[in-house]
Amino acid sequence: MNFVGHAYIAKNNPELIAGNFAGDSYKGHLENFAHLPSHILNGIQLHRYIDDYTDNSPFIKSVGQRFQEAGITKVAYIASDIILDHFLTKNWENYSAQPLPDFIDVMYAETDKNLAYLEEDFCFMYAKLKEYRWLYQYETEEGIDQVLWQFSRRIGFKNDLSRCMAIYQDQKIAMDSDFEAFMNSIVDNSTPFIAQLIS
């Protein structure tokens, strides 16, 4: 999952959003970050749970294999993460009664008030994300195509990420079926994990 998907899983516990949103910035054992507030640590743990669950999902593996079969090698699962956010945002009303722009505002508000605890590299990227309104682009095919291009430039090796939207459009029915099944699965399975995490 990408930014919106990670935050969506924490929607009922917004205090987890900042750590979850910035989770990729925290490398190594959690003990290395014992100085952080508990809500940030819990958010990082949720981020890692989501990543592990996503990486092992047969539905996401199916999407990744479709990209690989179309010639996408190193970045197939990066593409699936980003386009999963597109699936979620374009079908947002099926997953939340809260309008998407309002939810993005919550993401920003929760993150902004915790910036002092977040890693410098994340804060730099987050400032750009807000400046260029990336999250508001996820809902449309034109927007996510631009996001894929932006991500392709951030990756430190030559890649075909910018080709992936065309592949998705060609296989949209099958990929969306996998994405829908994945969303149902992760929502069901993350709920008890979060309950245990914050208990």
N, C-alpha and C. Protein backbone atom coordinates (compact mmCIF):
# COMPACT_ATOMS: atom_id res chain seq x y z
N MET A 1 0.84 -1.18 0.00
CA MET A 1 0.00 0.00 0.00
C MET A 1 0.89 1.24 0.00
N ASN A 2 0.33 2.31 -0.48
CA ASN A 2 1.04 3.58 -0.52
C ASN A 2 0.45 4.51 0.55
N PHE A 3 0.67 5.80 0.45
CA PHE A 3 0.37 6.74 1.52
C PHE A 3 -1.09 6.71 1.98
N VAL A 4 -2.03 6.80 1.04
CA VAL A 4 -3.44 6.87 1.43
C VAL A 4 -3.89 5.54 2.04
N GLY A 5 -3.46 4.44 1.45
CA GLY A 5 -3.84 3.13 1.97
C GLY A 5 -3.35 2.92 3.38
N HIS A 6 -2.11 3.28 3.65
CA HIS A 6 -1.59 3.15 5.01
C HIS A 6 -2.42 3.96 5.99
N ALA A 7 -2.70 5.20 5.65
CA ALA A 7 -3.47 6.05 6.54
C ALA A 7 -4.90 5.54 6.70
N TYR A 8 -5.46 5.01 5.62
CA TYR A 8 -6.84 4.50 5.68
C TYR A 8 -6.97 3.39 6.72
N ILE A 9 -5.99 2.50 6.80
CA ILE A 9 -6.05 1.41 7.77
C ILE A 9 -6.08 1.96 9.19
N ALA A 10 -5.49 3.13 9.41
CA ALA A 10 -5.47 3.74 10.74
C ALA A 10 -6.60 4.74 10.96
N LYS A 11 -7.58 4.76 10.08
CA LYS A 11 -8.58 5.82 10.09
C LYS A 11 -9.34 5.94 11.40
N ASN A 12 -9.57 4.82 12.08
CA ASN A 12 -10.30 4.85 13.35
C ASN A 12 -9.41 5.18 14.54
N ASN A 13 -8.13 5.28 14.29
CA ASN A 13 -7.14 5.64 15.32
C ASN A 13 -6.18 6.66 14.73
N PRO A 14 -6.66 7.89 14.51
CA PRO A 14 -5.86 8.88 13.78
C PRO A 14 -4.53 9.21 14.43
N GLU A 15 -4.40 8.93 15.75
CA GLU A 15 -3.12 9.20 16.40
C GLU A 15 -2.01 8.32 15.84
N LEU A 16 -2.37 7.24 15.12
CA LEU A 16 -1.37 6.35 14.52
C LEU A 16 -0.93 6.80 13.14
N ILE A 17 -1.63 7.77 12.56
CA ILE A 17 -1.41 8.12 11.16
C ILE A 17 0.00 8.63 10.91
N ALA A 18 0.52 9.51 11.76
CA ALA A 18 1.82 10.12 11.48
C ALA A 18 2.94 9.08 11.45
N GLY A 19 3.01 8.24 12.46
CA GLY A 19 4.04 7.20 12.49
C GLY A 19 3.88 6.20 11.38
N ASN A 20 2.65 5.90 11.06
CA ASN A 20 2.34 4.97 9.98
C ASN A 20 2.72 5.58 8.63
N PHE A 21 2.36 6.83 8.43
CA PHE A 21 2.65 7.56 7.21
C PHE A 21 4.16 7.62 6.97
N ALA A 22 4.92 7.85 8.03
CA ALA A 22 6.37 8.02 7.92
C ALA A 22 7.14 6.73 8.16
N GLY A 23 6.45 5.61 8.23
CA GLY A 23 7.05 4.36 8.67
C GLY A 23 8.26 3.91 7.88
N ASP A 24 8.31 4.18 6.59
CA ASP A 24 9.44 3.74 5.77
C ASP A 24 10.75 4.40 6.17
N SER A 25 10.66 5.52 6.88
CA SER A 25 11.88 6.24 7.25
C SER A 25 12.60 5.62 8.44
N TYR A 26 11.92 4.73 9.14
CA TYR A 26 12.50 4.15 10.35
C TYR A 26 13.04 2.76 10.04
N LYS A 27 14.35 2.66 9.90
CA LYS A 27 15.00 1.40 9.55
C LYS A 27 15.56 0.73 10.81
N GLY A 28 15.53 -0.58 10.81
CA GLY A 28 16.14 -1.31 11.91
C GLY A 28 15.17 -1.63 13.03
N HIS A 29 15.71 -2.06 14.15
CA HIS A 29 14.90 -2.51 15.28
C HIS A 29 14.16 -1.34 15.92
N LEU A 30 12.97 -1.63 16.40
CA LEU A 30 12.17 -0.60 17.06
C LEU A 30 12.87 -0.05 18.29
N GLU A 31 13.71 -0.87 18.93
CA GLU A 31 14.43 -0.41 20.11
C GLU A 31 15.28 0.83 19.81
N ASN A 32 15.67 0.98 18.54
CA ASN A 32 16.45 2.15 18.15
C ASN A 32 15.66 3.45 18.26
N PHE A 33 14.32 3.32 18.35
CA PHE A 33 13.47 4.51 18.36
C PHE A 33 12.67 4.61 19.65
N ALA A 34 13.23 4.05 20.72
CA ALA A 34 12.53 4.01 22.00
C ALA A 34 12.27 5.41 22.56
N HIS A 35 12.99 6.41 22.06
CA HIS A 35 12.80 7.78 22.53
C HIS A 35 11.54 8.42 21.99
N LEU A 36 10.93 7.80 21.00
CA LEU A 36 9.74 8.39 20.37
C LEU A 36 8.49 8.14 21.22
N PRO A 37 7.50 9.01 21.11
CA PRO A 37 6.24 8.79 21.83
C PRO A 37 5.58 7.48 21.40
N SER A 38 4.78 6.92 22.28
CA SER A 38 4.17 5.61 22.01
C SER A 38 3.28 5.62 20.78
N HIS A 39 2.60 6.73 20.51
CA HIS A 39 1.70 6.74 19.35
C HIS A 39 2.48 6.71 18.03
N ILE A 40 3.70 7.27 18.04
CA ILE A 40 4.54 7.20 16.85
C ILE A 40 5.09 5.79 16.68
N LEU A 41 5.57 5.19 17.76
CA LEU A 41 6.05 3.81 17.71
C LEU A 41 4.95 2.86 17.26
N ASN A 42 3.76 3.05 17.77
CA ASN A 42 2.64 2.19 17.37
C ASN A 42 2.32 2.38 15.89
N GLY A 43 2.43 3.62 15.42
CA GLY A 43 2.21 3.87 14.00
C GLY A 43 3.24 3.18 13.12
N ILE A 44 4.50 3.19 13.58
CA ILE A 44 5.57 2.50 12.84
C ILE A 44 5.29 1.00 12.81
N GLN A 45 4.87 0.45 13.95
CA GLN A 45 4.55 -0.98 13.99
C GLN A 45 3.40 -1.31 13.05
N LEU A 46 2.39 -0.45 13.01
CA LEU A 46 1.29 -0.68 12.09
C LEU A 46 1.77 -0.62 10.65
N HIS A 47 2.64 0.33 10.33
CA HIS A 47 3.20 0.42 8.98
C HIS A 47 3.89 -0.88 8.59
N ARG A 48 4.69 -1.41 9.49
CA ARG A 48 5.41 -2.65 9.20
C ARG A 48 4.45 -3.83 9.05
N TYR A 49 3.40 -3.85 9.87
CA TYR A 49 2.40 -4.91 9.73
C TYR A 49 1.74 -4.83 8.35
N ILE A 50 1.35 -3.62 7.93
CA ILE A 50 0.70 -3.45 6.63
C ILE A 50 1.63 -3.87 5.51
N ASP A 51 2.89 -3.46 5.58
CA ASP A 51 3.86 -3.83 4.54
C ASP A 51 4.02 -5.34 4.46
N ASP A 52 4.15 -5.99 5.61
CA ASP A 52 4.33 -7.44 5.63
C ASP A 52 3.09 -8.15 5.09
N TYR A 53 1.94 -7.68 5.51
CA TYR A 53 0.69 -8.29 5.05
C TYR A 53 0.54 -8.12 3.53
N THR A 54 0.86 -6.93 3.05
CA THR A 54 0.75 -6.65 1.62
C THR A 54 1.72 -7.51 0.82
N ASP A 55 2.96 -7.58 1.28
CA ASP A 55 3.99 -8.35 0.56
C ASP A 55 3.63 -9.82 0.44
N ASN A 56 2.89 -10.34 1.40
CA ASN A 56 2.55 -11.77 1.41
C ASN A 56 1.15 -12.08 0.92
N SER A 57 0.44 -11.06 0.48
CA SER A 57 -0.93 -11.27 0.01
C SER A 57 -0.94 -11.94 -1.37
N PRO A 58 -1.70 -13.01 -1.55
CA PRO A 58 -1.79 -13.63 -2.88
C PRO A 58 -2.43 -12.69 -3.90
N PHE A 59 -3.26 -11.77 -3.44
CA PHE A 59 -3.92 -10.84 -4.35
C PHE A 59 -2.92 -9.82 -4.90
N ILE A 60 -2.03 -9.32 -4.05
CA ILE A 60 -1.01 -8.37 -4.50
C ILE A 60 0.05 -9.09 -5.33
N LYS A 61 0.38 -10.32 -4.95
CA LYS A 61 1.31 -11.10 -5.78
C LYS A 61 0.74 -11.31 -7.18
N SER A 62 -0.56 -11.49 -7.26
CA SER A 62 -1.20 -11.66 -8.57
C SER A 62 -1.05 -10.41 -9.42
N VAL A 63 -1.27 -9.24 -8.80
CA VAL A 63 -1.11 -7.97 -9.53
C VAL A 63 0.34 -7.79 -9.96
N GLY A 64 1.27 -8.05 -9.04
CA GLY A 64 2.69 -7.91 -9.38
C GLY A 64 3.11 -8.81 -10.52
N GLN A 65 2.59 -10.02 -10.52
CA GLN A 65 2.92 -10.96 -11.60
C GLN A 65 2.38 -10.48 -12.94
N ARG A 66 1.24 -9.84 -12.92
CA ARG A 66 0.69 -9.29 -14.16
C ARG A 66 1.61 -8.21 -14.73
N PHE A 67 2.13 -7.37 -13.85
CA PHE A 67 3.09 -6.36 -14.31
C PHE A 67 4.37 -7.03 -14.83
N GLN A 68 4.84 -8.04 -14.13
CA GLN A 68 6.06 -8.72 -14.56
C GLN A 68 5.87 -9.39 -15.92
N GLU A 69 4.72 -10.00 -16.11
CA GLU A 69 4.44 -10.65 -17.40
C GLU A 69 4.36 -9.64 -18.53
N ALA A 70 4.07 -8.38 -18.18
CA ALA A 70 4.02 -7.33 -19.20
C ALA A 70 5.38 -6.65 -19.38
N GLY A 71 6.41 -7.19 -18.72
CA GLY A 71 7.77 -6.69 -18.94
C GLY A 71 8.30 -5.78 -17.86
N ILE A 72 7.54 -5.57 -16.79
CA ILE A 72 8.01 -4.74 -15.68
C ILE A 72 8.74 -5.64 -14.70
N THR A 73 9.98 -5.34 -14.42
CA THR A 73 10.78 -6.26 -13.60
C THR A 73 10.98 -5.72 -12.18
N LYS A 74 11.89 -4.81 -12.00
CA LYS A 74 12.29 -4.39 -10.65
C LYS A 74 11.20 -3.64 -9.89
N VAL A 75 10.30 -2.99 -10.59
CA VAL A 75 9.37 -2.08 -9.90
C VAL A 75 7.92 -2.56 -9.96
N ALA A 76 7.70 -3.84 -10.24
CA ALA A 76 6.33 -4.35 -10.37
C ALA A 76 5.52 -4.12 -9.10
N TYR A 77 6.15 -4.36 -7.95
CA TYR A 77 5.39 -4.25 -6.69
C TYR A 77 5.33 -2.81 -6.18
N ILE A 78 6.26 -1.97 -6.60
CA ILE A 78 6.12 -0.54 -6.33
C ILE A 78 4.89 -0.02 -7.09
N ALA A 79 4.77 -0.45 -8.34
CA ALA A 79 3.61 -0.05 -9.14
C ALA A 79 2.32 -0.53 -8.51
N SER A 80 2.31 -1.77 -8.04
CA SER A 80 1.07 -2.30 -7.44
C SER A 80 0.70 -1.52 -6.19
N ASP A 81 1.69 -1.10 -5.38
CA ASP A 81 1.41 -0.30 -4.18
C ASP A 81 0.77 1.03 -4.56
N ILE A 82 1.34 1.70 -5.54
CA ILE A 82 0.83 3.03 -5.92
C ILE A 82 -0.54 2.92 -6.57
N ILE A 83 -0.72 1.96 -7.45
CA ILE A 83 -2.00 1.84 -8.15
C ILE A 83 -3.07 1.29 -7.22
N LEU A 84 -2.69 0.56 -6.17
CA LEU A 84 -3.66 0.19 -5.14
C LEU A 84 -4.25 1.44 -4.49
N ASP A 85 -3.43 2.45 -4.24
CA ASP A 85 -3.96 3.71 -3.71
C ASP A 85 -4.92 4.35 -4.70
N HIS A 86 -4.64 4.23 -5.99
CA HIS A 86 -5.57 4.74 -7.00
C HIS A 86 -6.89 3.99 -6.92
N PHE A 87 -6.84 2.67 -6.81
CA PHE A 87 -8.07 1.89 -6.68
C PHE A 87 -8.86 2.34 -5.46
N LEU A 88 -8.18 2.51 -4.33
CA LEU A 88 -8.86 2.91 -3.10
C LEU A 88 -9.49 4.28 -3.24
N THR A 89 -8.75 5.24 -3.78
CA THR A 89 -9.27 6.60 -3.85
C THR A 89 -10.38 6.75 -4.89
N LYS A 90 -10.29 6.02 -6.00
CA LYS A 90 -11.36 6.16 -7.00
C LYS A 90 -12.64 5.47 -6.55
N ASN A 91 -12.51 4.54 -5.60
CA ASN A 91 -13.69 3.85 -5.04
C ASN A 91 -13.93 4.25 -3.59
N TRP A 92 -13.47 5.42 -3.23
CA TRP A 92 -13.45 5.84 -1.84
C TRP A 92 -14.81 5.71 -1.15
N GLU A 93 -15.88 6.05 -1.86
CA GLU A 93 -17.21 6.01 -1.23
C GLU A 93 -17.61 4.60 -0.81
N ASN A 94 -16.95 3.58 -1.35
CA ASN A 94 -17.22 2.20 -0.94
C ASN A 94 -16.52 1.84 0.37
N TYR A 95 -15.57 2.68 0.78
CA TYR A 95 -14.75 2.36 1.94
C TYR A 95 -14.90 3.35 3.09
N SER A 96 -15.42 4.51 2.82
CA SER A 96 -15.52 5.52 3.87
C SER A 96 -16.67 6.48 3.58
N ALA A 97 -17.38 6.86 4.65
CA ALA A 97 -18.42 7.87 4.52
C ALA A 97 -17.83 9.28 4.53
N GLN A 98 -16.59 9.40 4.98
CA GLN A 98 -15.91 10.68 5.03
C GLN A 98 -15.37 11.03 3.65
N PRO A 99 -15.67 12.21 3.11
CA PRO A 99 -15.14 12.58 1.80
C PRO A 99 -13.62 12.49 1.76
N LEU A 100 -13.07 12.06 0.63
CA LEU A 100 -11.63 11.89 0.50
C LEU A 100 -10.85 13.16 0.83
N PRO A 101 -11.24 14.34 0.31
CA PRO A 101 -10.46 15.54 0.66
C PRO A 101 -10.43 15.79 2.17
N ASP A 102 -11.53 15.49 2.86
CA ASP A 102 -11.55 15.67 4.31
C ASP A 102 -10.60 14.70 4.99
N PHE A 103 -10.53 13.47 4.48
CA PHE A 103 -9.61 12.49 5.07
C PHE A 103 -8.16 12.91 4.83
N ILE A 104 -7.86 13.41 3.64
CA ILE A 104 -6.50 13.89 3.37
C ILE A 104 -6.15 15.03 4.32
N ASP A 105 -7.13 15.89 4.61
CA ASP A 105 -6.89 16.96 5.58
C ASP A 105 -6.54 16.39 6.96
N VAL A 106 -7.20 15.30 7.35
CA VAL A 106 -6.88 14.63 8.62
C VAL A 106 -5.45 14.10 8.58
N MET A 107 -5.09 13.46 7.46
CA MET A 107 -3.72 12.96 7.32
C MET A 107 -2.71 14.09 7.52
N TYR A 108 -2.95 15.21 6.88
CA TYR A 108 -2.04 16.34 6.99
C TYR A 108 -2.01 16.89 8.42
N ALA A 109 -3.18 17.03 9.04
CA ALA A 109 -3.25 17.61 10.38
C ALA A 109 -2.51 16.73 11.39
N GLU A 110 -2.72 15.42 11.30
CA GLU A 110 -2.06 14.51 12.23
C GLU A 110 -0.54 14.49 12.00
N THR A 111 -0.15 14.56 10.76
CA THR A 111 1.28 14.56 10.45
C THR A 111 1.94 15.87 10.84
N ASP A 112 1.27 16.97 10.53
CA ASP A 112 1.85 18.29 10.83
C ASP A 112 2.15 18.45 12.32
N LYS A 113 1.26 17.97 13.17
CA LYS A 113 1.48 18.20 14.60
C LYS A 113 2.52 17.25 15.20
N ASN A 114 3.00 16.29 14.37
CA ASN A 114 4.02 15.36 14.84
C ASN A 114 5.34 15.47 14.09
N LEU A 115 5.52 16.51 13.30
CA LEU A 115 6.73 16.62 12.48
C LEU A 115 8.01 16.60 13.30
N ALA A 116 7.96 17.09 14.52
CA ALA A 116 9.17 17.14 15.36
C ALA A 116 9.69 15.74 15.67
N TYR A 117 8.81 14.72 15.57
CA TYR A 117 9.21 13.34 15.87
C TYR A 117 9.61 12.55 14.63
N LEU A 118 9.40 13.11 13.46
CA LEU A 118 9.56 12.36 12.23
C LEU A 118 10.93 12.61 11.60
N GLU A 119 11.39 11.62 10.83
CA GLU A 119 12.74 11.68 10.26
C GLU A 119 12.86 12.79 9.22
N GLU A 120 14.06 13.35 9.11
CA GLU A 120 14.30 14.49 8.22
C GLU A 120 13.99 14.16 6.77
N ASP A 121 14.37 12.94 6.32
CA ASP A 121 14.13 12.60 4.92
C ASP A 121 12.63 12.52 4.63
N PHE A 122 11.86 12.02 5.60
CA PHE A 122 10.41 12.00 5.41
C PHE A 122 9.86 13.41 5.35
N CYS A 123 10.30 14.27 6.25
CA CYS A 123 9.77 15.64 6.30
C CYS A 123 10.03 16.38 5.00
N PHE A 124 11.19 16.15 4.39
CA PHE A 124 11.50 16.77 3.10
C PHE A 124 10.53 16.29 2.03
N MET A 125 10.34 14.95 1.95
CA MET A 125 9.43 14.39 0.97
C MET A 125 8.00 14.85 1.23
N TYR A 126 7.60 14.89 2.48
CA TYR A 126 6.24 15.28 2.87
C TYR A 126 5.96 16.73 2.45
N ALA A 127 6.94 17.60 2.62
CA ALA A 127 6.75 18.99 2.20
C ALA A 127 6.49 19.08 0.70
N LYS A 128 7.23 18.29 -0.09
CA LYS A 128 7.01 18.27 -1.54
C LYS A 128 5.65 17.68 -1.87
N LEU A 129 5.28 16.61 -1.16
CA LEU A 129 3.99 15.95 -1.39
C LEU A 129 2.84 16.94 -1.18
N LYS A 130 2.95 17.74 -0.13
CA LYS A 130 1.91 18.73 0.12
C LYS A 130 1.95 19.86 -0.91
N GLU A 131 3.17 20.33 -1.22
CA GLU A 131 3.32 21.45 -2.15
C GLU A 131 2.70 21.13 -3.50
N TYR A 132 2.94 19.90 -3.98
CA TYR A 132 2.46 19.54 -5.31
C TYR A 132 1.13 18.79 -5.29
N ARG A 133 0.54 18.68 -4.09
CA ARG A 133 -0.81 18.11 -3.93
C ARG A 133 -0.91 16.69 -4.53
N TRP A 134 0.12 15.89 -4.28
CA TRP A 134 0.14 14.54 -4.84
C TRP A 134 -1.09 13.73 -4.46
N LEU A 135 -1.46 13.78 -3.18
CA LEU A 135 -2.53 12.89 -2.73
C LEU A 135 -3.86 13.20 -3.40
N TYR A 136 -4.06 14.44 -3.81
CA TYR A 136 -5.28 14.81 -4.50
C TYR A 136 -5.29 14.32 -5.95
N GLN A 137 -4.13 13.85 -6.43
CA GLN A 137 -4.04 13.35 -7.80
C GLN A 137 -4.34 11.85 -7.89
N TYR A 138 -4.33 11.16 -6.77
CA TYR A 138 -4.42 9.70 -6.80
C TYR A 138 -5.74 9.19 -7.38
N GLU A 139 -6.78 9.97 -7.30
CA GLU A 139 -8.10 9.50 -7.66
C GLU A 139 -8.29 9.33 -9.17
N THR A 140 -7.59 10.09 -9.98
CA THR A 140 -7.79 10.04 -11.43
C THR A 140 -6.65 9.28 -12.10
N GLU A 141 -6.94 8.71 -13.27
CA GLU A 141 -5.90 8.00 -14.01
C GLU A 141 -4.81 8.95 -14.47
N GLU A 142 -5.19 10.15 -14.86
CA GLU A 142 -4.18 11.13 -15.27
C GLU A 142 -3.28 11.50 -14.09
N GLY A 143 -3.90 11.65 -12.94
CA GLY A 143 -3.14 12.01 -11.75
C GLY A 143 -2.18 10.92 -11.32
N ILE A 144 -2.65 9.69 -11.29
CA ILE A 144 -1.79 8.59 -10.83
C ILE A 144 -0.69 8.32 -11.85
N ASP A 145 -0.97 8.56 -13.11
CA ASP A 145 0.07 8.44 -14.14
C ASP A 145 1.20 9.44 -13.85
N GLN A 146 0.83 10.65 -13.46
CA GLN A 146 1.82 11.66 -13.10
C GLN A 146 2.58 11.26 -11.83
N VAL A 147 1.87 10.69 -10.87
CA VAL A 147 2.52 10.25 -9.64
C VAL A 147 3.53 9.14 -9.93
N LEU A 148 3.16 8.20 -10.79
CA LEU A 148 4.10 7.15 -11.18
C LEU A 148 5.35 7.73 -11.82
N TRP A 149 5.17 8.73 -12.65
CA TRP A 149 6.33 9.39 -13.29
C TRP A 149 7.20 10.06 -12.24
N GLN A 150 6.55 10.72 -11.26
CA GLN A 150 7.31 11.39 -10.21
C GLN A 150 8.11 10.38 -9.38
N PHE A 151 7.46 9.27 -9.04
CA PHE A 151 8.15 8.23 -8.28
C PHE A 151 9.31 7.64 -9.08
N SER A 152 9.11 7.48 -10.38
CA SER A 152 10.16 6.89 -11.22
C SER A 152 11.43 7.73 -11.17
N ARG A 153 11.28 9.02 -11.03
CA ARG A 153 12.43 9.93 -10.97
C ARG A 153 13.15 9.84 -9.62
N ARG A 154 12.42 9.44 -8.57
CA ARG A 154 13.00 9.36 -7.22
C ARG A 154 13.78 8.06 -7.02
N ILE A 155 13.49 7.05 -7.85
CA ILE A 155 14.15 5.76 -7.70
C ILE A 155 15.57 5.87 -8.28
N GLY A 156 16.53 5.28 -7.57
CA GLY A 156 17.92 5.47 -7.93
C GLY A 156 18.44 4.57 -9.02
N PHE A 157 17.58 4.02 -9.84
CA PHE A 157 18.02 3.19 -10.96
C PHE A 157 17.01 3.33 -12.10
N LYS A 158 17.45 3.00 -13.30
CA LYS A 158 16.56 3.06 -14.46
C LYS A 158 15.40 2.12 -14.26
N ASN A 159 14.19 2.59 -14.56
CA ASN A 159 13.00 1.78 -14.30
C ASN A 159 11.88 2.09 -15.29
N ASP A 160 10.88 1.21 -15.28
CA ASP A 160 9.74 1.33 -16.20
C ASP A 160 8.46 1.72 -15.49
N LEU A 161 8.57 2.40 -14.35
CA LEU A 161 7.38 2.72 -13.57
C LEU A 161 6.39 3.56 -14.36
N SER A 162 6.88 4.43 -15.21
CA SER A 162 5.99 5.30 -15.98
C SER A 162 5.17 4.53 -17.02
N ARG A 163 5.54 3.26 -17.32
CA ARG A 163 4.78 2.44 -18.25
C ARG A 163 3.60 1.74 -17.58
N CYS A 164 3.57 1.75 -16.26
CA CYS A 164 2.67 0.85 -15.54
C CYS A 164 1.20 1.25 -15.60
N MET A 165 0.91 2.52 -15.76
CA MET A 165 -0.49 2.92 -15.84
C MET A 165 -1.15 2.34 -17.08
N ALA A 166 -0.42 2.34 -18.20
CA ALA A 166 -0.98 1.78 -19.43
C ALA A 166 -1.26 0.29 -19.28
N ILE A 167 -0.38 -0.41 -18.57
CA ILE A 167 -0.59 -1.84 -18.32
C ILE A 167 -1.81 -2.04 -17.43
N TYR A 168 -1.92 -1.22 -16.40
CA TYR A 168 -3.10 -1.30 -15.53
C TYR A 168 -4.38 -1.06 -16.32
N GLN A 169 -4.38 -0.04 -17.16
CA GLN A 169 -5.59 0.26 -17.95
C GLN A 169 -5.98 -0.92 -18.83
N ASP A 170 -4.98 -1.63 -19.33
CA ASP A 170 -5.24 -2.78 -20.19
C ASP A 170 -5.78 -3.98 -19.41
N GLN A 171 -5.44 -4.07 -18.13
CA GLN A 171 -5.84 -5.22 -17.31
C GLN A 171 -6.65 -4.79 -16.09
N LYS A 172 -7.37 -3.70 -16.22
CA LYS A 172 -8.03 -3.06 -15.09
C LYS A 172 -9.03 -3.99 -14.39
N ILE A 173 -9.82 -4.72 -15.13
CA ILE A 173 -10.86 -5.56 -14.51
C ILE A 173 -10.22 -6.60 -13.60
N ALA A 174 -9.21 -7.28 -14.10
CA ALA A 174 -8.57 -8.33 -13.32
C ALA A 174 -7.82 -7.75 -12.12
N MET A 175 -7.09 -6.65 -12.34
CA MET A 175 -6.33 -6.05 -11.24
C MET A 175 -7.27 -5.48 -10.18
N ASP A 176 -8.33 -4.82 -10.61
CA ASP A 176 -9.27 -4.26 -9.64
C ASP A 176 -9.94 -5.35 -8.81
N SER A 177 -10.18 -6.49 -9.41
CA SER A 177 -10.74 -7.61 -8.66
C SER A 177 -9.77 -8.05 -7.56
N ASP A 178 -8.49 -8.12 -7.89
CA ASP A 178 -7.48 -8.46 -6.88
C ASP A 178 -7.38 -7.38 -5.81
N PHE A 179 -7.40 -6.13 -6.22
CA PHE A 179 -7.32 -5.04 -5.26
C PHE A 179 -8.51 -5.06 -4.30
N GLU A 180 -9.70 -5.30 -4.83
CA GLU A 180 -10.89 -5.33 -3.98
C GLU A 180 -10.80 -6.46 -2.95
N ALA A 181 -10.37 -7.63 -3.41
CA ALA A 181 -10.23 -8.77 -2.50
C ALA A 181 -9.16 -8.46 -1.43
N PHE A 182 -8.09 -7.82 -1.85
CA PHE A 182 -7.04 -7.46 -0.89
C PHE A 182 -7.57 -6.48 0.15
N MET A 183 -8.29 -5.45 -0.27
CA MET A 183 -8.81 -4.47 0.68
C MET A 183 -9.72 -5.13 1.70
N ASN A 184 -10.59 -6.01 1.25
CA ASN A 184 -11.47 -6.70 2.20
C ASN A 184 -10.65 -7.50 3.20
N SER A 185 -9.61 -8.14 2.71
CA SER A 185 -8.77 -8.98 3.55
C SER A 185 -7.99 -8.17 4.57
N ILE A 186 -7.34 -7.10 4.14
CA ILE A 186 -6.50 -6.36 5.07
C ILE A 186 -7.32 -5.59 6.09
N VAL A 187 -8.48 -5.10 5.71
CA VAL A 187 -9.34 -4.42 6.68
C VAL A 187 -9.75 -5.39 7.79
N ASP A 188 -10.16 -6.59 7.40
CA ASP A 188 -10.57 -7.58 8.40
C ASP A 188 -9.41 -7.98 9.31
N ASN A 189 -8.23 -8.15 8.75
CA ASN A 189 -7.10 -8.67 9.52
C ASN A 189 -6.36 -7.61 10.31
N SER A 190 -6.42 -6.37 9.87
CA SER A 190 -5.70 -5.32 10.60
C SER A 190 -6.47 -4.85 11.84
N THR A 191 -7.77 -5.05 11.86
CA THR A 191 -8.57 -4.57 12.99
C THR A 191 -8.13 -5.20 14.31
N PRO A 192 -8.01 -6.53 14.42
CA PRO A 192 -7.52 -7.08 15.71
C PRO A 192 -6.07 -6.72 16.00
N PHE A 193 -5.24 -6.56 14.97
CA PHE A 193 -3.85 -6.15 15.20
C PHE A 193 -3.82 -4.78 15.85
N ILE A 194 -4.60 -3.83 15.33
CA ILE A 194 -4.62 -2.48 15.88
C ILE A 194 -5.16 -2.49 17.31
N ALA A 195 -6.21 -3.27 17.54
CA ALA A 195 -6.79 -3.35 18.88
C ALA A 195 -5.76 -3.83 19.90
N GLN A 196 -4.97 -4.82 19.51
CA GLN A 196 -3.92 -5.33 20.39
C GLN A 196 -2.80 -4.31 20.56
N LEU A 197 -2.50 -3.60 19.48
CA LEU A 197 -1.40 -2.64 19.49
C LEU A 197 -1.66 -1.51 20.49
N ILE A 198 -2.89 -1.04 20.54
CA ILE A 198 -3.20 0.15 21.37
C ILE A 198 -3.78 -0.21 22.73
N SER A 199 -3.90 -1.51 23.00
CA SER A 199 -4.50 -1.91 24.28
C SER A 199 -3.55 -1.68 25.46
